[in-house]
N, C-alpha and C. Protein backbone atom coordinates (compact mmCIF):
# COMPACT_ATOMS: atom_id res chain seq x y z
N UNK A 1 34.49 -93.46 34.18
CA UNK A 1 35.09 -93.90 35.47
C UNK A 1 36.45 -92.94 35.61
N UNK A 2 36.52 -92.47 37.20
CA UNK A 2 37.82 -91.46 37.29
C UNK A 2 38.61 -92.11 39.01
N UNK A 3 39.64 -92.18 38.65
CA UNK A 3 40.43 -92.36 40.11
C UNK A 3 41.05 -91.03 40.40
N UNK A 4 41.26 -91.02 41.54
CA UNK A 4 41.56 -89.59 42.47
C UNK A 4 42.95 -89.97 42.93
N UNK A 5 43.72 -89.37 43.52
CA UNK A 5 44.94 -89.64 44.55
C UNK A 5 45.01 -88.17 45.42
N UNK A 6 44.76 -88.20 46.51
CA UNK A 6 45.41 -87.16 47.42
C UNK A 6 46.74 -86.50 47.36
N UNK A 7 47.59 -85.24 47.65
CA UNK A 7 48.58 -85.45 48.15
C UNK A 7 49.07 -84.21 48.97
N UNK A 8 49.92 -84.09 49.26
CA UNK A 8 50.22 -82.44 49.97
C UNK A 8 50.09 -82.14 51.51
N UNK A 9 49.21 -83.03 51.86
CA UNK A 9 49.08 -83.04 53.32
C UNK A 9 50.33 -83.35 54.20
N UNK A 10 50.39 -82.84 55.23
CA UNK A 10 51.16 -83.02 56.39
C UNK A 10 51.38 -82.34 57.96
N UNK A 11 52.28 -81.92 58.31
CA UNK A 11 52.42 -81.19 59.90
C UNK A 11 52.44 -80.22 59.66
N UNK A 12 51.65 -78.86 60.13
CA UNK A 12 52.17 -77.29 59.90
C UNK A 12 51.91 -76.83 61.30
N UNK A 13 52.78 -75.48 61.76
CA UNK A 13 52.37 -74.88 62.71
C UNK A 13 50.80 -73.84 61.98
N UNK A 14 50.13 -73.47 63.33
CA UNK A 14 49.25 -72.47 63.33
C UNK A 14 49.34 -70.97 62.83
N UNK A 15 48.24 -71.19 61.46
CA UNK A 15 49.54 -69.71 61.20
C UNK A 15 49.80 -70.23 59.81
N UNK A 16 50.10 -70.99 59.34
CA UNK A 16 50.84 -71.58 57.94
C UNK A 16 50.27 -72.00 57.12
N UNK A 17 50.75 -72.68 56.22
CA UNK A 17 49.46 -72.60 54.76
C UNK A 17 50.45 -74.08 54.28
N UNK A 18 49.59 -74.38 53.62
CA UNK A 18 49.52 -76.35 53.09
C UNK A 18 48.59 -75.82 51.71
N UNK A 19 48.97 -76.88 50.53
CA UNK A 19 48.08 -76.82 49.23
C UNK A 19 48.27 -78.48 48.82
N UNK A 20 47.30 -78.78 48.63
CA UNK A 20 46.99 -80.23 48.58
C UNK A 20 46.30 -79.93 46.81
N UNK A 21 46.72 -81.18 46.62
CA UNK A 21 46.76 -81.59 44.93
C UNK A 21 45.61 -82.88 44.97
N UNK A 22 44.53 -82.98 43.70
CA UNK A 22 44.20 -84.24 43.44
C UNK A 22 44.28 -84.42 42.15
N UNK A 23 44.83 -85.62 41.90
CA UNK A 23 45.48 -86.03 39.93
C UNK A 23 44.42 -86.50 39.93
N UNK A 24 43.44 -86.62 39.15
CA UNK A 24 42.83 -86.80 38.54
C UNK A 24 43.01 -87.88 37.10
N UNK A 25 42.36 -89.36 37.27
CA UNK A 25 43.07 -90.06 36.02
C UNK A 25 41.14 -90.38 35.48
N UNK A 26 41.02 -90.56 34.27
CA UNK A 26 40.02 -91.08 33.33
C UNK A 26 39.44 -90.02 32.36
N UNK A 27 38.60 -90.57 31.57
CA UNK A 27 37.95 -89.09 30.67
C UNK A 27 37.33 -87.85 31.41
N UNK A 28 37.28 -87.04 29.94
CA UNK A 28 36.31 -85.93 30.41
C UNK A 28 36.53 -85.46 32.00
N UNK A 29 37.91 -85.53 32.33
CA UNK A 29 38.19 -84.33 34.08
C UNK A 29 37.23 -82.76 33.58
N UNK A 30 37.33 -82.42 32.54
CA UNK A 30 36.61 -80.97 32.71
C UNK A 30 35.73 -80.93 32.84
N UNK A 31 34.43 -81.78 32.43
CA UNK A 31 33.27 -82.28 32.63
C UNK A 31 32.71 -82.39 34.31
N UNK A 32 33.37 -82.88 35.44
CA UNK A 32 33.11 -83.00 36.48
C UNK A 32 33.39 -81.56 37.45
N UNK A 33 32.35 -82.18 38.63
CA UNK A 33 32.61 -80.73 39.39
C UNK A 33 32.91 -81.41 40.67
N UNK A 34 34.00 -80.70 41.09
CA UNK A 34 35.00 -81.32 41.94
C UNK A 34 34.77 -80.72 43.29
N UNK A 35 35.07 -81.31 44.09
CA UNK A 35 34.94 -80.88 46.17
C UNK A 35 35.46 -81.91 46.83
N UNK A 36 36.14 -81.07 48.05
CA UNK A 36 36.61 -81.32 49.29
C UNK A 36 35.78 -81.18 50.34
N UNK A 37 36.53 -82.64 51.02
CA UNK A 37 35.73 -82.97 52.00
C UNK A 37 36.83 -83.34 53.21
N UNK A 38 36.50 -83.26 54.63
CA UNK A 38 37.07 -83.82 55.60
C UNK A 38 36.84 -84.07 56.65
N UNK A 39 37.40 -84.84 57.32
CA UNK A 39 36.93 -85.69 58.60
C UNK A 39 37.62 -85.49 59.61
N UNK A 40 37.29 -85.05 60.84
CA UNK A 40 38.42 -85.16 62.32
C UNK A 40 37.80 -85.97 63.15
N UNK A 41 38.77 -86.62 63.79
CA UNK A 41 38.52 -87.75 64.40
C UNK A 41 37.25 -87.76 65.35
N UNK A 42 36.75 -88.29 65.49
CA UNK A 42 35.58 -88.88 66.29
C UNK A 42 34.01 -87.35 65.81
N UNK A 43 34.49 -87.15 64.32
CA UNK A 43 33.67 -86.17 64.12
C UNK A 43 33.09 -86.73 62.75
N UNK A 44 32.04 -86.42 61.95
CA UNK A 44 31.55 -86.83 61.22
C UNK A 44 31.83 -86.32 60.12
N UNK A 45 32.30 -86.38 58.16
CA UNK A 45 32.52 -86.12 57.60
C UNK A 45 31.89 -84.65 57.16
N UNK A 46 32.59 -83.71 56.59
CA UNK A 46 32.39 -82.19 56.38
C UNK A 46 32.39 -81.58 55.56
N UNK A 47 31.69 -80.91 54.72
CA UNK A 47 32.06 -80.10 53.10
C UNK A 47 33.28 -79.14 53.33
N UNK A 48 33.59 -78.86 52.71
CA UNK A 48 35.03 -77.53 52.57
C UNK A 48 34.44 -76.89 51.34
N UNK A 49 34.95 -77.22 50.40
CA UNK A 49 34.92 -76.42 49.19
C UNK A 49 34.34 -77.20 47.81
N UNK A 50 34.54 -76.67 46.97
CA UNK A 50 33.62 -77.15 45.75
C UNK A 50 33.77 -76.61 44.59
N UNK A 51 33.74 -76.93 43.42
CA UNK A 51 34.09 -75.87 42.16
C UNK A 51 32.77 -76.96 41.06
N UNK A 52 32.13 -75.68 40.29
CA UNK A 52 31.29 -76.51 39.22
C UNK A 52 32.25 -76.62 38.08
N UNK A 53 31.84 -77.19 37.32
CA UNK A 53 32.36 -77.79 35.87
C UNK A 53 31.78 -77.16 34.74
N UNK A 54 30.28 -76.56 35.13
CA UNK A 54 29.63 -75.55 34.09
C UNK A 54 29.97 -74.39 34.34
N UNK A 55 30.21 -73.64 35.43
CA UNK A 55 30.07 -72.23 35.31
C UNK A 55 31.90 -71.75 35.90
N UNK A 56 32.09 -72.83 36.45
CA UNK A 56 33.69 -72.51 37.15
C UNK A 56 33.58 -71.99 38.17
N UNK A 57 32.41 -71.75 38.89
CA UNK A 57 31.68 -71.23 40.64
C UNK A 57 32.22 -71.83 41.63
N UNK A 58 32.70 -71.34 42.84
CA UNK A 58 33.35 -71.81 43.91
C UNK A 58 32.38 -71.85 44.74
N UNK A 59 32.16 -72.84 46.35
CA UNK A 59 31.43 -72.52 46.66
C UNK A 59 32.51 -73.16 48.20
N UNK A 60 32.51 -72.59 49.56
CA UNK A 60 33.26 -72.77 50.39
C UNK A 60 32.40 -72.66 51.75
N UNK A 61 32.57 -73.74 52.84
CA UNK A 61 32.02 -73.76 53.96
C UNK A 61 32.44 -72.47 54.63
N UNK A 62 31.64 -72.09 55.48
CA UNK A 62 31.37 -71.30 56.22
C UNK A 62 32.81 -70.80 57.44
N UNK A 63 33.66 -72.15 57.61
CA UNK A 63 34.49 -71.89 58.43
C UNK A 63 35.95 -72.06 57.79
N UNK A 64 36.18 -71.78 56.55
CA UNK A 64 36.92 -71.62 55.19
C UNK A 64 37.24 -70.41 55.09
N UNK A 65 36.32 -70.42 54.31
CA UNK A 65 35.66 -68.76 53.89
C UNK A 65 37.22 -67.81 54.16
N UNK A 66 37.53 -67.29 52.96
CA UNK A 66 38.70 -66.23 53.29
C UNK A 66 39.90 -66.80 53.58
N UNK A 67 39.99 -68.02 53.88
CA UNK A 67 41.39 -68.69 54.06
C UNK A 67 41.67 -69.87 53.09
N UNK A 68 41.01 -70.47 52.49
CA UNK A 68 41.02 -71.98 51.70
C UNK A 68 40.52 -71.37 50.29
N UNK A 69 41.55 -71.91 49.37
CA UNK A 69 40.66 -71.73 47.76
C UNK A 69 41.12 -73.12 46.72
N UNK A 70 39.85 -73.09 46.04
CA UNK A 70 40.00 -73.92 45.16
C UNK A 70 40.04 -73.86 44.05
N UNK A 71 40.82 -74.48 43.35
CA UNK A 71 41.15 -74.64 41.59
C UNK A 71 41.46 -75.52 41.33
N UNK A 72 41.37 -75.77 39.67
CA UNK A 72 41.51 -76.57 39.06
C UNK A 72 42.46 -76.51 37.82
N UNK A 73 43.32 -77.65 37.09
CA UNK A 73 43.87 -76.84 36.08
C UNK A 73 43.56 -78.73 34.99
N UNK A 74 42.71 -78.40 34.02
CA UNK A 74 42.31 -79.01 33.45
C UNK A 74 43.42 -79.91 32.67
N UNK A 75 44.42 -78.87 31.89
CA UNK A 75 45.57 -79.84 31.13
C UNK A 75 46.19 -80.42 31.71
N UNK A 76 46.48 -80.46 33.53
CA UNK A 76 46.67 -81.62 34.12
C UNK A 76 46.19 -82.63 34.83
N UNK A 77 44.79 -82.69 34.78
CA UNK A 77 43.76 -83.47 34.98
C UNK A 77 44.26 -83.09 37.13
N UNK A 78 44.15 -81.91 37.18
CA UNK A 78 44.58 -81.98 38.93
C UNK A 78 43.54 -80.56 39.28
N UNK A 79 42.95 -80.83 40.69
CA UNK A 79 42.28 -80.09 41.27
C UNK A 79 43.53 -79.80 42.67
N UNK A 80 43.16 -78.61 43.16
CA UNK A 80 43.85 -77.71 44.26
C UNK A 80 42.75 -77.64 45.53
N UNK A 81 43.59 -77.75 46.84
CA UNK A 81 43.27 -76.97 47.57
C UNK A 81 44.22 -75.81 48.40
N UNK A 82 44.01 -74.54 48.12
CA UNK A 82 45.40 -74.09 48.70
C UNK A 82 44.53 -73.67 50.25
N UNK A 83 45.46 -73.66 51.46
CA UNK A 83 44.46 -73.43 52.65
C UNK A 83 46.02 -72.38 53.29
N UNK A 84 45.29 -71.28 53.99
CA UNK A 84 46.33 -70.35 54.29
C UNK A 84 45.67 -70.29 56.02
N UNK A 85 46.70 -69.56 56.62
CA UNK A 85 46.05 -69.04 57.79
C UNK A 85 45.52 -70.52 58.95
N UNK A 86 46.04 -71.78 58.68
CA UNK A 86 45.57 -72.45 59.13
C UNK A 86 45.59 -72.70 60.39
N UNK A 87 44.47 -73.51 61.39
CA UNK A 87 44.08 -73.36 62.28
C UNK A 87 44.09 -74.75 62.81
N UNK A 88 44.39 -75.10 64.24
CA UNK A 88 44.31 -76.34 64.68
C UNK A 88 42.80 -77.48 64.72
N UNK A 89 41.89 -76.64 64.30
CA UNK A 89 40.69 -76.98 64.26
C UNK A 89 40.44 -77.60 62.69
N UNK A 90 41.30 -77.28 62.06
CA UNK A 90 41.40 -77.73 60.37
C UNK A 90 42.09 -78.63 60.36
N UNK A 91 42.51 -80.07 61.23
CA UNK A 91 43.01 -80.76 61.63
C UNK A 91 42.02 -81.70 61.20
N UNK A 92 42.34 -82.55 60.41
CA UNK A 92 41.30 -84.10 59.80
C UNK A 92 42.17 -84.91 58.50
N UNK A 93 41.68 -85.53 58.04
CA UNK A 93 41.61 -86.47 56.78
C UNK A 93 41.00 -85.53 55.85
N UNK A 94 41.89 -85.16 54.57
CA UNK A 94 41.05 -84.73 53.93
C UNK A 94 41.02 -85.47 52.70
N UNK A 95 39.45 -85.09 51.66
CA UNK A 95 39.79 -86.04 50.67
C UNK A 95 39.07 -85.26 49.35
N UNK A 96 39.22 -85.86 48.38
CA UNK A 96 38.84 -85.06 47.11
C UNK A 96 37.61 -85.75 46.61
N UNK A 97 36.61 -85.51 45.91
CA UNK A 97 35.82 -85.89 45.89
C UNK A 97 35.36 -85.06 44.17
N UNK A 98 34.76 -86.08 43.24
CA UNK A 98 34.16 -86.14 41.96
C UNK A 98 32.96 -86.31 41.39
N UNK A 99 32.27 -85.17 40.76
CA UNK A 99 30.72 -85.98 40.35
C UNK A 99 30.56 -85.40 38.66
N UNK A 100 29.69 -85.93 38.22
CA UNK A 100 29.64 -85.79 36.61
C UNK A 100 28.03 -84.77 36.78
N UNK A 101 28.25 -84.04 37.48
CA UNK A 101 26.84 -83.03 37.73
C UNK A 101 27.51 -81.76 38.14
N UNK A 102 26.54 -80.80 38.37
CA UNK A 102 26.59 -79.61 39.54
C UNK A 102 27.31 -80.06 40.93
N UNK A 103 27.72 -79.05 41.47
CA UNK A 103 28.63 -79.34 42.95
C UNK A 103 27.20 -79.54 43.89
N UNK A 104 27.33 -80.32 45.50
CA UNK A 104 26.36 -80.59 46.24
C UNK A 104 27.38 -80.61 47.36
N UNK A 105 26.73 -80.12 48.51
CA UNK A 105 27.36 -80.25 50.16
C UNK A 105 26.95 -80.84 50.73
N UNK A 106 26.38 -82.41 50.42
CA UNK A 106 26.66 -83.70 51.10
C UNK A 106 27.74 -84.87 50.03
N UNK A 107 28.36 -85.57 50.86
CA UNK A 107 29.37 -86.13 50.71
C UNK A 107 28.70 -87.55 49.75
N UNK A 108 27.19 -87.57 49.89
CA UNK A 108 26.31 -89.32 49.37
C UNK A 108 26.50 -87.95 47.65
N UNK A 109 26.60 -86.70 47.59
CA UNK A 109 26.44 -86.25 46.46
C UNK A 109 27.02 -86.65 45.08
N UNK A 110 28.70 -87.29 45.88
CA UNK A 110 29.70 -87.53 44.88
C UNK A 110 29.98 -88.68 44.46
N UNK A 111 30.53 -88.99 43.04
CA UNK A 111 30.94 -90.45 42.66
C UNK A 111 32.03 -91.57 42.99
N UNK A 112 33.20 -90.37 43.19
CA UNK A 112 34.22 -91.04 43.00
C UNK A 112 35.25 -89.92 44.27
N UNK A 113 36.06 -90.98 44.58
CA UNK A 113 36.61 -90.46 45.63
C UNK A 113 38.34 -90.60 46.32
N UNK A 114 39.03 -89.75 46.34
CA UNK A 114 40.54 -90.49 47.02
C UNK A 114 40.41 -91.14 48.28
N UNK A 115 41.72 -91.20 48.42
CA UNK A 115 42.16 -92.21 49.53
C UNK A 115 42.00 -91.14 50.84
N UNK A 116 42.38 -89.86 50.73
CA UNK A 116 42.70 -89.45 51.76
C UNK A 116 43.95 -88.35 52.55
N UNK A 117 44.19 -87.44 52.60
CA UNK A 117 45.50 -86.90 53.00
C UNK A 117 45.25 -86.14 54.42
N UNK A 118 46.25 -86.81 55.05
CA UNK A 118 46.07 -86.21 56.63
C UNK A 118 47.04 -84.82 56.80
N UNK A 119 45.58 -83.90 57.34
CA UNK A 119 46.93 -82.60 58.19
C UNK A 119 46.28 -82.46 59.25
N UNK A 120 47.65 -82.15 59.92
CA UNK A 120 47.65 -82.00 61.43
C UNK A 120 47.98 -80.16 61.14
N UNK A 121 47.42 -79.90 62.01
CA UNK A 121 47.76 -78.17 62.45
C UNK A 121 48.02 -78.11 64.06
N UNK A 122 49.50 -77.58 64.44
CA UNK A 122 49.56 -77.68 65.62
C UNK A 122 49.58 -76.36 66.10
N UNK A 123 49.19 -76.09 67.55
CA UNK A 123 49.03 -74.71 68.17
C UNK A 123 50.55 -74.13 68.49
């Protein structure tokens, strides 16, 4: 059983940066793959980034490569999403997710979800 809570969202101007945090409670956090998804108003939820527990490899959607960085601190039971060079099209509710397996690009691949945090990027 894992509980996830996101924080760090807010309003930022285009070109700015935000860092989202995902605090996890539960056992054996280091054994879970972590993922970030986002959902804009009127659109489907889409994959953003993920990190495997097995090899520590990271994966990114093409739309955020070179701008976003996923990381984790197992000692603090926390995952992060550093977002740089933000664009208005990044505006969405961002969700963190966890899975006791390798990463996956589909929302249905994940077992546990946070409540989401709003990110709004102004032009």
